[in-house]
C-alpha atoms as a PDB file:
ATOM      1  CA  MET A   1     390.967 233.643-125.653  1.00  0.00           C
ATOM      2  CA  PRO A   2     394.153 236.022-125.453  1.00  0.00           C
ATOM      3  CA  ILE A   3     395.371 237.932-122.437  1.00  0.00           C
ATOM      4  CA  ASN A   4     394.688 241.722-122.656  1.00  0.00           C
ATOM      5  CA  ILE A   5     397.910 242.769-120.741  1.00  0.00           C
ATOM      6  CA  GLY A   6     397.092 245.928-120.694  1.00  0.00           C
ATOM      7  CA  GLN A   7     393.815 245.846-119.031  1.00  0.00           C
ATOM      8  CA  LEU A   8     394.919 243.022-116.531  1.00  0.00           C
ATOM      9  CA  ALA A   9     398.012 245.192-115.171  1.00  0.00           C
ATOM     10  CA  ALA A  10     395.710 248.393-114.788  1.00  0.00           C
ATOM     11  CA  THR A  11     393.171 246.162-112.847  1.00  0.00           C
ATOM     12  CA  THR A  12     396.169 244.522-110.901  1.00  0.00           C
ATOM     13  CA  LEU A  13     397.997 248.182-109.972  1.00  0.00           C
ATOM     14  CA  GLN A  14     394.406 249.718-109.333  1.00  0.00           C
ATOM     15  CA  ASN A  15     393.794 246.774-106.334  1.00  0.00           C
ATOM     16  CA  TYR A  16     396.884 247.144-104.942  1.00  0.00           C
ATOM     17  CA  GLN A  17     396.710 251.170-104.586  1.00  0.00           C
ATOM     18  CA  LYS A  18     395.519 251.220-100.887  1.00  0.00           C
ATOM     19  CA  THR A  19     398.641 248.581 -99.873  1.00  0.00           C
ATOM     20  CA  PHE A  20     400.733 251.008-102.150  1.00  0.00           C
ATOM     21  CA  ALA A  21     400.399 253.856-100.242  1.00  0.00           C
ATOM     22  CA  ASP A  22     399.840 251.708 -96.918  1.00  0.00           C
ATOM     23  CA  ASN A  23     402.797 249.910 -97.213  1.00  0.00           C
ATOM     24  CA  ILE A  24     405.000 253.284 -98.009  1.00  0.00           C
ATOM     25  CA  GLY A  25     404.104 254.959 -94.566  1.00  0.00           C
ATOM     26  CA  ARG A  26     404.141 251.341 -92.315  1.00  0.00           C
ATOM     27  CA  ASP A  27     407.432 250.770 -93.798  1.00  0.00           C
ATOM     28  CA  ILE A  28     409.565 254.098 -93.309  1.00  0.00           C
ATOM     29  CA  ALA A  29     409.939 254.726 -89.357  1.00  0.00           C
ATOM     30  CA  LEU A  30     409.617 258.348 -89.698  1.00  0.00           C
ATOM     31  CA  THR A  31     406.262 258.589 -91.972  1.00  0.00           C
ATOM     32  CA  ASN A  32     405.151 255.677 -90.162  1.00  0.00           C
ATOM     33  CA  HIS A  33     405.332 257.610 -86.203  1.00  0.00           C
ATOM     34  CA  MET A  34     403.995 260.511 -88.063  1.00  0.00           C
ATOM     35  CA  LYS A  35     400.643 258.807 -89.505  1.00  0.00           C
ATOM     36  CA  ALA A  36     400.156 257.577 -86.084  1.00  0.00           C
ATOM     37  CA  ASN A  37     400.599 260.659 -84.332  1.00  0.00           C
ATOM     38  CA  GLY A  38     398.646 263.334 -86.134  1.00  0.00           C
ATOM     39  CA  MET A  39     401.546 264.810 -88.026  1.00  0.00           C
ATOM     40  CA  VAL A  40     400.575 263.974 -91.259  1.00  0.00           C
ATOM     41  CA  GLN A  41     397.751 266.452 -92.977  1.00  0.00           C
ATOM     42  CA  ILE A  42     396.026 266.346 -96.435  1.00  0.00           C
ATOM     43  CA  GLU A  43     395.449 269.217 -98.379  1.00  0.00           C
ATOM     44  CA  PRO A  44     393.277 270.087-101.144  1.00  0.00           C
ATOM     45  CA  GLY A  45     395.861 272.263-103.224  1.00  0.00           C
ATOM     46  CA  GLY A  46     397.058 275.547-104.362  1.00  0.00           C
ATOM     47  CA  ARG A  47     400.046 276.990-105.530  1.00  0.00           C
ATOM     48  CA  GLU A  48     402.283 276.648-102.538  1.00  0.00           C
ATOM     49  CA  ILE A  49     401.541 275.043 -98.883  1.00  0.00           C
ATOM     50  CA  VAL A  50     401.523 278.539 -96.701  1.00  0.00           C
ATOM     51  CA  MET A  51     401.865 277.317 -92.575  1.00  0.00           C
ATOM     52  CA  PRO A  52     400.872 279.938 -89.937  1.00  0.00           C
ATOM     53  CA  ILE A  53     403.725 280.525 -87.388  1.00  0.00           C
ATOM     54  CA  ASP A  54     403.067 281.913 -83.735  1.00  0.00           C
ATOM     55  CA  TYR A  55     406.479 283.117 -82.746  1.00  0.00           C
ATOM     56  CA  ALA A  56     405.614 285.422 -79.738  1.00  0.00           C
ATOM     57  CA  ASN A  57     403.490 285.979 -76.706  1.00  0.00           C
ATOM     58  CA  SER A  58     400.610 288.242 -76.944  1.00  0.00           C
ATOM     59  CA  THR A  59     400.757 291.610 -74.781  1.00  0.00           C
ATOM     60  CA  ALA A  60     397.381 291.650 -74.621  1.00  0.00           C
ATOM     61  CA  VAL A  61     397.065 289.993 -70.782  1.00  0.00           C
ATOM     62  CA  GLY A  62     397.103 291.086 -67.428  1.00  0.00           C
ATOM     63  CA  THR A  63     394.963 291.962 -64.553  1.00  0.00           C
ATOM     64  CA  TYR A  64     391.813 294.472 -64.011  1.00  0.00           C
ATOM     65  CA  SER A  65     389.715 295.560 -61.357  1.00  0.00           C
ATOM     66  CA  GLY A  66     386.501 297.751 -61.245  1.00  0.00           C
ATOM     67  CA  THR A  67     386.180 300.064 -63.894  1.00  0.00           C
ATOM     68  CA  SER A  68     389.644 299.673 -64.472  1.00  0.00           C
ATOM     69  CA  ASN A  69     390.713 300.051 -68.926  1.00  0.00           C
ATOM     70  CA  ILE A  70     391.781 296.984 -70.385  1.00  0.00           C
ATOM     71  CA  ASN A  71     394.817 297.207 -72.907  1.00  0.00           C
ATOM     72  CA  ASN A  72     394.198 294.911 -76.135  1.00  0.00           C
ATOM     73  CA  PRO A  73     396.967 296.771 -78.205  1.00  0.00           C
ATOM     74  CA  TYR A  74     397.400 295.059 -82.080  1.00  0.00           C
ATOM     75  CA  GLN A  75     399.139 291.732 -81.773  1.00  0.00           C
ATOM     76  CA  GLU A  76     402.577 291.386 -83.962  1.00  0.00           C
ATOM     77  CA  GLY A  77     404.202 288.157 -83.474  1.00  0.00           C
ATOM     78  CA  ILE A  78     402.065 285.637 -85.841  1.00  0.00           C
ATOM     79  CA  ASP A  79     404.540 284.851 -89.828  1.00  0.00           C
ATOM     80  CA  ALA A  80     403.661 282.368 -92.147  1.00  0.00           C
ATOM     81  CA  ALA A  81     406.147 280.110 -93.994  1.00  0.00           C
ATOM     82  CA  THR A  82     405.496 278.737 -97.111  1.00  0.00           C
ATOM     83  CA  TYR A  83     406.629 275.621 -98.866  1.00  0.00           C
ATOM     84  CA  ASP A  84     406.612 273.914-102.636  1.00  0.00           C
ATOM     85  CA  TRP A  85     404.446 270.776-103.031  1.00  0.00           C
ATOM     86  CA  VAL A  86     406.842 268.200-104.831  1.00  0.00           C
ATOM     87  CA  ASN A  87     405.634 265.539-107.358  1.00  0.00           C
ATOM     88  CA  TYR A  88     406.965 262.170-107.090  1.00  0.00           C
ATOM     89  CA  TYR A  89     406.249 259.307-109.402  1.00  0.00           C
ATOM     90  CA  ALA A  90     406.853 255.234-109.641  1.00  0.00           C
ATOM     91  CA  GLY A  91     406.253 254.103-113.217  1.00  0.00           C
ATOM     92  CA  VAL A  92     405.361 250.257-114.249  1.00  0.00           C
ATOM     93  CA  SER A  93     405.204 249.217-117.455  1.00  0.00           C
ATOM     94  CA  ILE A  94     404.492 245.741-119.502  1.00  0.00           C
ATOM     95  CA  SER A  95     405.965 245.367-122.253  1.00  0.00           C
ATOM     96  CA  LYS A  96     404.577 242.542-125.805  1.00  0.00           C
ATOM     97  CA  ASP A  97     407.618 240.709-125.000  1.00  0.00           C
ATOM     98  CA  ASP A  98     406.832 240.396-121.346  1.00  0.00           C
ATOM     99  CA  GLU A  99     404.011 239.063-122.212  1.00  0.00           C
ATOM    100  CA  LEU A 100     405.359 236.308-124.689  1.00  0.00           C
ATOM    101  CA  LYS A 101     407.723 235.476-122.202  1.00  0.00           C
ATOM    102  CA  ASN A 102     405.508 234.788-119.263  1.00  0.00           C
ATOM    103  CA  SER A 103     402.939 232.579-120.802  1.00  0.00           C
ATOM    104  CA  GLY A 104     399.379 232.518-119.362  1.00  0.00           C
ATOM    105  CA  GLU A 105     397.664 234.539-117.240  1.00  0.00           C
ATOM    106  CA  PHE A 106     398.936 233.247-113.990  1.00  0.00           C
ATOM    107  CA  ALA A 107     402.560 234.270-114.869  1.00  0.00           C
ATOM    108  CA  VAL A 108     401.383 237.696-116.356  1.00  0.00           C
ATOM    109  CA  LYS A 109     400.337 238.566-112.927  1.00  0.00           C
ATOM    110  CA  LYS A 110     402.945 237.354-111.431  1.00  0.00           C
ATOM    111  CA  LEU A 111     405.407 239.542-113.528  1.00  0.00           C
ATOM    112  CA  ILE A 112     403.056 242.239-112.689  1.00  0.00           C
ATOM    113  CA  LYS A 113     403.107 241.963-109.173  1.00  0.00           C
ATOM    114  CA  THR A 114     406.799 241.572-109.325  1.00  0.00           C
ATOM    115  CA  LYS A 115     407.028 244.938-111.185  1.00  0.00           C
ATOM    116  CA  ILE A 116     404.185 246.746-108.429  1.00  0.00           C
ATOM    117  CA  SER A 117     406.729 245.356-105.697  1.00  0.00           C
ATOM    118  CA  GLN A 118     409.914 247.034-107.231  1.00  0.00           C
ATOM    119  CA  ALA A 119     408.112 250.185-108.034  1.00  0.00           C
ATOM    120  CA  GLU A 120     406.948 250.587-104.543  1.00  0.00           C
ATOM    121  CA  ARG A 121     410.523 249.361-102.983  1.00  0.00           C
ATOM    122  CA  SER A 122     412.227 251.977-105.221  1.00  0.00           C
ATOM    123  CA  LEU A 123     409.479 254.984-104.570  1.00  0.00           C
ATOM    124  CA  LYS A 124     410.035 253.916-100.703  1.00  0.00           C
ATOM    125  CA  GLU A 125     413.953 254.490-101.158  1.00  0.00           C
ATOM    126  CA  LYS A 126     413.665 257.695-103.041  1.00  0.00           C
ATOM    127  CA  LEU A 127     411.354 259.231-100.425  1.00  0.00           C
ATOM    128  CA  GLU A 128     413.397 258.034 -96.952  1.00  0.00           C
ATOM    129  CA  LEU A 129     416.523 259.654 -98.390  1.00  0.00           C
ATOM    130  CA  ASP A 130     414.610 262.810 -99.567  1.00  0.00           C
ATOM    131  CA  TYR A 131     412.853 262.936 -96.027  1.00  0.00           C
ATOM    132  CA  HIS A 132     416.124 263.165 -94.879  1.00  0.00           C
ATOM    133  CA  THR A 133     418.542 264.839 -97.400  1.00  0.00           C
ATOM    134  CA  GLY A 134     415.951 265.993 -99.538  1.00  0.00           C
ATOM    135  CA  ALA A 135     417.278 269.931-100.650  1.00  0.00           C
ATOM    136  CA  GLY A 136     413.882 271.099-101.995  1.00  0.00           C
ATOM    137  CA  GLY A 137     412.687 272.453-105.273  1.00  0.00           C
ATOM    138  CA  THR A 138     411.118 270.598-107.605  1.00  0.00           C
ATOM    139  CA  GLY A 139     413.595 267.687-106.868  1.00  0.00           C
ATOM    140  CA  ALA A 140     412.625 266.504-103.457  1.00  0.00           C
ATOM    141  CA  VAL A 141     410.877 267.855-100.485  1.00  0.00           C
ATOM    142  CA  VAL A 142     413.319 269.692 -97.553  1.00  0.00           C
ATOM    143  CA  GLY A 143     414.857 267.131 -95.952  1.00  0.00           C
ATOM    144  CA  LEU A 144     415.509 267.007 -92.131  1.00  0.00           C
ATOM    145  CA  GLN A 145     419.234 268.074 -92.708  1.00  0.00           C
ATOM    146  CA  THR A 146     418.099 271.426 -93.970  1.00  0.00           C
ATOM    147  CA  LEU A 147     414.706 271.699 -91.902  1.00  0.00           C
ATOM    148  CA  VAL A 148     416.467 270.969 -88.421  1.00  0.00           C
ATOM    149  CA  ALA A 149     419.252 273.731 -88.377  1.00  0.00           C
ATOM    150  CA  ALA A 150     420.384 277.370 -86.723  1.00  0.00           C
ATOM    151  CA  SER A 151     420.438 278.999 -89.588  1.00  0.00           C
ATOM    152  CA  GLY A 152     419.576 278.962 -93.332  1.00  0.00           C
ATOM    153  CA  THR A 153     416.198 280.055 -95.033  1.00  0.00           C
ATOM    154  CA  VAL A 154     413.170 277.280 -94.631  1.00  0.00           C
ATOM    155  CA  GLY A 155     409.700 278.133 -95.489  1.00  0.00           C
ATOM    156  CA  ASP A 156     411.000 281.440 -97.071  1.00  0.00           C
ATOM    157  CA  ILE A 157     412.298 282.732 -93.207  1.00  0.00           C
ATOM    158  CA  SER A 158     415.429 283.307 -92.715  1.00  0.00           C
ATOM    159  CA  GLY A 159     416.716 281.467 -89.707  1.00  0.00           C
ATOM    160  CA  THR A 160     420.240 283.397 -89.887  1.00  0.00           C
ATOM    161  CA  THR A 161     418.076 286.644 -89.073  1.00  0.00           C
ATOM    162  CA  GLU A 162     415.679 285.521 -86.815  1.00  0.00           C
ATOM    163  CA  THR A 163     416.214 284.166 -83.733  1.00  0.00           C
ATOM    164  CA  PHE A 164     412.567 282.594 -83.368  1.00  0.00           C
ATOM    165  CA  TRP A 165     413.375 280.140 -86.327  1.00  0.00           C
ATOM    166  CA  ARG A 166     416.232 278.306 -84.942  1.00  0.00           C
ATOM    167  CA  SER A 167     416.545 274.568 -84.367  1.00  0.00           C
ATOM    168  CA  TYR A 168     418.525 272.861 -81.295  1.00  0.00           C
ATOM    169  CA  VAL A 169     421.820 272.316 -82.975  1.00  0.00           C
ATOM    170  CA  GLU A 170     424.788 270.835 -81.001  1.00  0.00           C
ATOM    171  CA  ALA A 171     427.788 270.411 -83.135  1.00  0.00           C
ATOM    172  CA  THR A 172     430.307 269.395 -80.963  1.00  0.00           C
ATOM    173  CA  GLY A 173     432.183 266.833 -82.225  1.00  0.00           C
ATOM    174  CA  GLY A 174     433.147 263.857 -80.601  1.00  0.00           C
ATOM    175  CA  ALA A 175     431.734 260.293 -79.105  1.00  0.00           C
ATOM    176  CA  LEU A 176     427.718 260.425 -78.583  1.00  0.00           C
ATOM    177  CA  THR A 177     426.649 260.401 -74.821  1.00  0.00           C
ATOM    178  CA  VAL A 178     423.244 260.282 -73.271  1.00  0.00           C
ATOM    179  CA  ALA A 179     424.149 263.269 -71.938  1.00  0.00           C
ATOM    180  CA  TYR A 180     423.878 264.835 -75.804  1.00  0.00           C
ATOM    181  CA  ILE A 181     420.707 263.499 -76.017  1.00  0.00           C
ATOM    182  CA  ARG A 182     419.235 264.461 -72.918  1.00  0.00           C
ATOM    183  CA  ASP A 183     420.645 268.170 -72.940  1.00  0.00           C
ATOM    184  CA  MET A 184     418.883 268.302 -76.558  1.00  0.00           C
ATOM    185  CA  VAL A 185     415.604 266.468 -75.546  1.00  0.00           C
ATOM    186  CA  ASN A 186     415.199 269.242 -72.407  1.00  0.00           C
ATOM    187  CA  ASP A 187     416.091 272.710 -74.258  1.00  0.00           C
ATOM    188  CA  ILE A 188     413.125 271.786 -76.874  1.00  0.00           C
ATOM    189  CA  ASP A 189     410.836 270.324 -74.050  1.00  0.00           C
ATOM    190  CA  SER A 190     411.277 273.436 -72.191  1.00  0.00           C
ATOM    191  CA  LEU A 191     409.514 275.346 -75.261  1.00  0.00           C
ATOM    192  CA  PRO A 192     405.757 275.896 -75.091  1.00  0.00           C
ATOM    193  CA  GLY A 193     404.280 272.733 -77.541  1.00  0.00           C
ATOM    194  CA  ASP A 194     404.532 268.915 -77.370  1.00  0.00           C
ATOM    195  CA  SER A 195     407.507 267.334 -76.261  1.00  0.00           C
ATOM    196  CA  VAL A 196     410.089 265.424 -78.653  1.00  0.00           C
ATOM    197  CA  SER A 197     408.067 262.418 -79.831  1.00  0.00           C
ATOM    198  CA  LEU A 198     410.675 260.243 -81.638  1.00  0.00           C
ATOM    199  CA  ILE A 199     414.262 260.314 -81.827  1.00  0.00           C
ATOM    200  CA  GLU A 200     416.771 259.159 -85.005  1.00  0.00           C
ATOM    201  CA  MET A 201     419.933 258.290 -85.659  1.00  0.00           C
ATOM    202  CA  PRO A 202     422.317 256.341 -87.947  1.00  0.00           C
ATOM    203  CA  VAL A 203     423.004 252.471 -87.517  1.00  0.00           C
ATOM    204  CA  ALA A 204     425.945 252.864 -86.322  1.00  0.00           C
ATOM    205  CA  LEU A 205     425.090 255.518 -83.854  1.00  0.00           C
ATOM    206  CA  HIS A 206     422.046 253.481 -82.380  1.00  0.00           C
ATOM    207  CA  ALA A 207     424.043 250.560 -81.365  1.00  0.00           C
ATOM    208  CA  LYS A 208     426.766 252.815 -79.855  1.00  0.00           C
ATOM    209  CA  TYR A 209     423.240 254.066 -77.935  1.00  0.00           C
ATOM    210  CA  GLU A 210     422.497 250.720 -77.384  1.00  0.00           C
ATOM    211  CA  SER A 211     426.141 250.381 -75.620  1.00  0.00           C
ATOM    212  CA  LEU A 212     425.281 253.093 -73.215  1.00  0.00           C
ATOM    213  CA  LEU A 213     422.300 251.833 -71.501  1.00  0.00           C
ATOM    214  CA  THR A 214     423.646 250.172 -68.205  1.00  0.00           C
ATOM    215  CA  ALA A 215     421.762 249.892 -64.874  1.00  0.00           C
ATOM    216  CA  THR A 216     421.559 253.702 -64.837  1.00  0.00           C
ATOM    217  CA  VAL A 217     420.348 254.165 -68.054  1.00  0.00           C
ATOM    218  CA  GLN A 218     417.396 251.061 -68.711  1.00  0.00           C
ATOM    219  CA  TYR A 219     416.143 250.034 -71.662  1.00  0.00           C
ATOM    220  CA  ASN A 220     412.828 249.794 -70.709  1.00  0.00           C
ATOM    221  CA  THR A 221     413.062 252.990 -68.020  1.00  0.00           C
ATOM    222  CA  THR A 222     409.454 254.103 -69.169  1.00  0.00           C
ATOM    223  CA  THR A 223     408.285 251.940 -71.921  1.00  0.00           C
ATOM    224  CA  THR A 224     405.199 253.496 -74.186  1.00  0.00           C
ATOM    225  CA  LYS A 225     402.295 252.454 -76.208  1.00  0.00           C
ATOM    226  CA  GLU A 226     404.712 254.300 -79.098  1.00  0.00           C
ATOM    227  CA  MET A 227     407.570 251.886 -78.233  1.00  0.00           C
ATOM    228  CA  LYS A 228     405.710 249.209 -78.286  1.00  0.00           C
ATOM    229  CA  ARG A 229     403.488 250.562 -81.365  1.00  0.00           C
ATOM    230  CA  MET A 230     406.947 251.038 -83.416  1.00  0.00           C
ATOM    231  CA  GLY A 231     408.346 247.903 -82.180  1.00  0.00           C
ATOM    232  CA  ASP A 232     405.243 245.651 -83.146  1.00  0.00           C
ATOM    233  CA  SER A 233     406.051 247.395 -86.450  1.00  0.00           C
ATOM    234  CA  GLY A 234     408.987 245.963 -87.065  1.00  0.00           C
ATOM    235  CA  PHE A 235     411.155 248.320 -86.223  1.00  0.00           C
ATOM    236  CA  THR A 236     414.859 248.506 -83.235  1.00  0.00           C
ATOM    237  CA  VAL A 237     413.458 250.492 -81.011  1.00  0.00           C
ATOM    238  CA  LEU A 238     415.286 251.560 -77.890  1.00  0.00           C
ATOM    239  CA  GLY A 239     414.240 254.188 -75.692  1.00  0.00           C
ATOM    240  CA  PHE A 240     415.387 257.709 -74.042  1.00  0.00           C
ATOM    241  CA  ARG A 241     412.925 258.798 -71.321  1.00  0.00           C
ATOM    242  CA  GLY A 242     409.776 256.825 -73.282  1.00  0.00           C
ATOM    243  CA  THR A 243     410.889 258.269 -76.789  1.00  0.00           C
ATOM    244  CA  PRO A 244     410.970 255.886 -79.352  1.00  0.00           C
ATOM    245  CA  VAL A 245     415.051 255.999 -80.817  1.00  0.00           C
ATOM    246  CA  VAL A 246     414.793 254.256 -84.198  1.00  0.00           C
ATOM    247  CA  TYR A 247     417.602 253.954 -87.036  1.00  0.00           C
ATOM    248  CA  ASN A 248     417.561 254.828 -90.045  1.00  0.00           C
ATOM    249  CA  ARG A 249     420.379 254.305 -93.247  1.00  0.00           C
ATOM    250  CA  PHE A 250     419.615 257.493 -94.814  1.00  0.00           C
ATOM    251  CA  VAL A 251     420.400 259.696 -91.788  1.00  0.00           C
ATOM    252  CA  PRO A 252     423.727 261.574 -92.414  1.00  0.00           C
ATOM    253  CA  THR A 253     426.426 260.355 -90.817  1.00  0.00           C
ATOM    254  CA  GLY A 254     427.221 261.548 -87.305  1.00  0.00           C
ATOM    255  CA  GLU A 255     423.706 262.894 -86.596  1.00  0.00           C
ATOM    256  CA  VAL A 256     421.035 262.795 -83.915  1.00  0.00           C
ATOM    257  CA  TYR A 257     417.291 264.127 -84.834  1.00  0.00           C
ATOM    258  CA  ALA A 258     414.965 265.362 -82.130  1.00  0.00           C
ATOM    259  CA  ILE A 259     411.236 265.268 -83.796  1.00  0.00           C
ATOM    260  CA  SER A 260     408.246 266.505 -82.191  1.00  0.00           C
ATOM    261  CA  ASP A 261     405.152 268.176 -84.064  1.00  0.00           C
ATOM    262  CA  GLY A 262     406.903 270.430 -85.006  1.00  0.00           C
ATOM    263  CA  LEU A 263     407.367 268.287 -88.098  1.00  0.00           C
ATOM    264  CA  LYS A 264     404.335 267.823 -90.599  1.00  0.00           C
ATOM    265  CA  LEU A 265     403.958 266.127 -93.921  1.00  0.00           C
ATOM    266  CA  ILE A 266     401.451 267.530 -96.001  1.00  0.00           C
ATOM    267  CA  GLN A 267     399.825 265.050 -98.550  1.00  0.00           C
ATOM    268  CA  HIS A 268     398.048 266.392-101.538  1.00  0.00           C
ATOM    269  CA  LYS A 269     394.311 265.044-101.761  1.00  0.00           C
ATOM    270  CA  ASP A 270     393.979 264.559-105.341  1.00  0.00           C
ATOM    271  CA  ALA A 271     397.589 262.868-105.368  1.00  0.00           C
ATOM    272  CA  ASN A 272     397.697 260.522-102.514  1.00  0.00           C
ATOM    273  CA  PHE A 273     399.521 257.538-104.241  1.00  0.00           C
ATOM    274  CA  ASP A 274     396.916 258.301-107.131  1.00  0.00           C
ATOM    275  CA  ILE A 275     397.271 255.745-109.907  1.00  0.00           C
ATOM    276  CA  LEU A 276     396.745 257.342-113.653  1.00  0.00           C
ATOM    277  CA  PRO A 277     395.256 254.528-115.960  1.00  0.00           C
ATOM    278  CA  MET A 278     396.967 252.494-118.265  1.00  0.00           C
ATOM    279  CA  GLU A 279     398.039 253.928-121.449  1.00  0.00           C
ATOM    280  CA  LYS A 280     399.650 252.132-124.718  1.00  0.00           C
ATOM    281  CA  VAL A 281     403.123 254.153-125.450  1.00  0.00           C
ATOM    282  CA  GLN A 282     403.005 255.845-128.901  1.00  0.00           C
ATOM    283  CA  GLY A 283     405.215 253.579-131.278  1.00  0.00           C
ATOM    284  CA  GLN A 284     406.044 250.711-129.039  1.00  0.00           C
ATOM    285  CA  MET A 285     404.312 247.801-127.785  1.00  0.00           C
ATOM    286  CA  VAL A 286     404.351 248.960-124.307  1.00  0.00           C
ATOM    287  CA  TYR A 287     401.688 249.525-121.378  1.00  0.00           C
ATOM    288  CA  GLU A 288     402.531 252.018-119.074  1.00  0.00           C
ATOM    289  CA  GLN A 289     401.328 253.511-115.876  1.00  0.00           C
ATOM    290  CA  TYR A 290     402.216 255.721-113.023  1.00  0.00           C
ATOM    291  CA  ILE A 291     401.613 256.258-109.303  1.00  0.00           C
ATOM    292  CA  LEU A 292     401.633 259.731-108.371  1.00  0.00           C
ATOM    293  CA  SER A 293     402.286 261.866-104.815  1.00  0.00           C
ATOM    294  CA  THR A 294     402.276 265.418-104.470  1.00  0.00           C
ATOM    295  CA  MET A 295     403.836 266.515-101.185  1.00  0.00           C
ATOM    296  CA  ALA A 296     406.005 268.728 -99.162  1.00  0.00           C
ATOM    297  CA  LEU A 297     407.701 268.007 -95.527  1.00  0.00           C
ATOM    298  CA  VAL A 298     407.244 270.817 -93.664  1.00  0.00           C
ATOM    299  CA  THR A 299     407.778 273.053 -90.094  1.00  0.00           C
ATOM    300  CA  ASP A 300     405.744 275.519 -88.348  1.00  0.00           C
ATOM    301  CA  ASN A 301     407.467 275.360 -85.743  1.00  0.00           C
ATOM    302  CA  ARG A 302     411.311 274.835 -86.493  1.00  0.00           C
ATOM    303  CA  ARG A 303     412.030 275.392 -82.590  1.00  0.00           C
ATOM    304  CA  LYS A 304     410.604 272.386 -81.352  1.00  0.00           C
ATOM    305  CA  LEU A 305     412.955 270.747 -83.502  1.00  0.00           C
ATOM    306  CA  GLY A 306     416.921 269.647 -82.767  1.00  0.00           C
ATOM    307  CA  LYS A 307     419.955 268.029 -84.242  1.00  0.00           C
ATOM    308  CA  LEU A 308     423.334 266.703 -83.055  1.00  0.00           C
ATOM    309  CA  THR A 309     426.374 266.540 -85.487  1.00  0.00           C
ATOM    310  CA  GLY A 310     429.795 265.161 -85.773  1.00  0.00           C
ATOM    311  CA  LYS A 311     428.595 262.503 -82.957  1.00  0.00           C
ATOM    312  CA  THR A 312     431.141 259.810 -83.549  1.00  0.00           C
ATOM    313  CA  VAL A 313     430.989 255.597 -81.848  1.00  0.00           C
END
């Protein structure tokens, strides 16, 4: 009985959907950490993503006694950052020639799985690059290089004019030191909200940081569950006061990022690595299928993110 290659490819990819999505989230250190720490949100859609921002303390607080009047003025200090959705895809295509050159169902299934693996790897690298250096718009999410800054417009709010919308940025050139990391983390952690939960840096700076770990700054001064979890997930993890320190080859040269829950990945519930039906290309002996993911990398608290730049080994 002839193999229906279109149906076989469609079924194989459909069965692989959850594994595909899990692998993407697991194999990128940033998303691995975010998924495990409640920083990934599934949203139903809308024209854009709106993130409420609380940027000033309320003046409707104080003390009272007896029958004294209580002052409760209307409060400013609440704004919203808006972000656009970005659509990502990975395509899998199978031709009649592929079928003829791979005789038998076993060989065809092996070919299909190889093509799925290729699509997964390629989309993973595209996302990993964009998470760090994406410039926004329709071509990429807004990456960390733009999100984490002390100026510029992000989420339609200007960090140049609005002081509450500025990240910690230390741009002195020179060799990476523990003091640079300490000052960045202390500055971010001193603000209201959760502490820094992940530090990312390029491979070379990660090696430099490892060389700084002496008898005074131990490898495991504090080993947290998250450090162990990420290590068990296959990442090379060092620590800074219990915060995982990992490397990523897409972190721009000379930069170090401090991440907290001020960073969030928003996934569209109807395009969360969903798979379209397999279709035959009109006028060609080719079947094609697409994996779609609609998302945005956002911040609702730019002050709780930090960056070192110009650092060397």
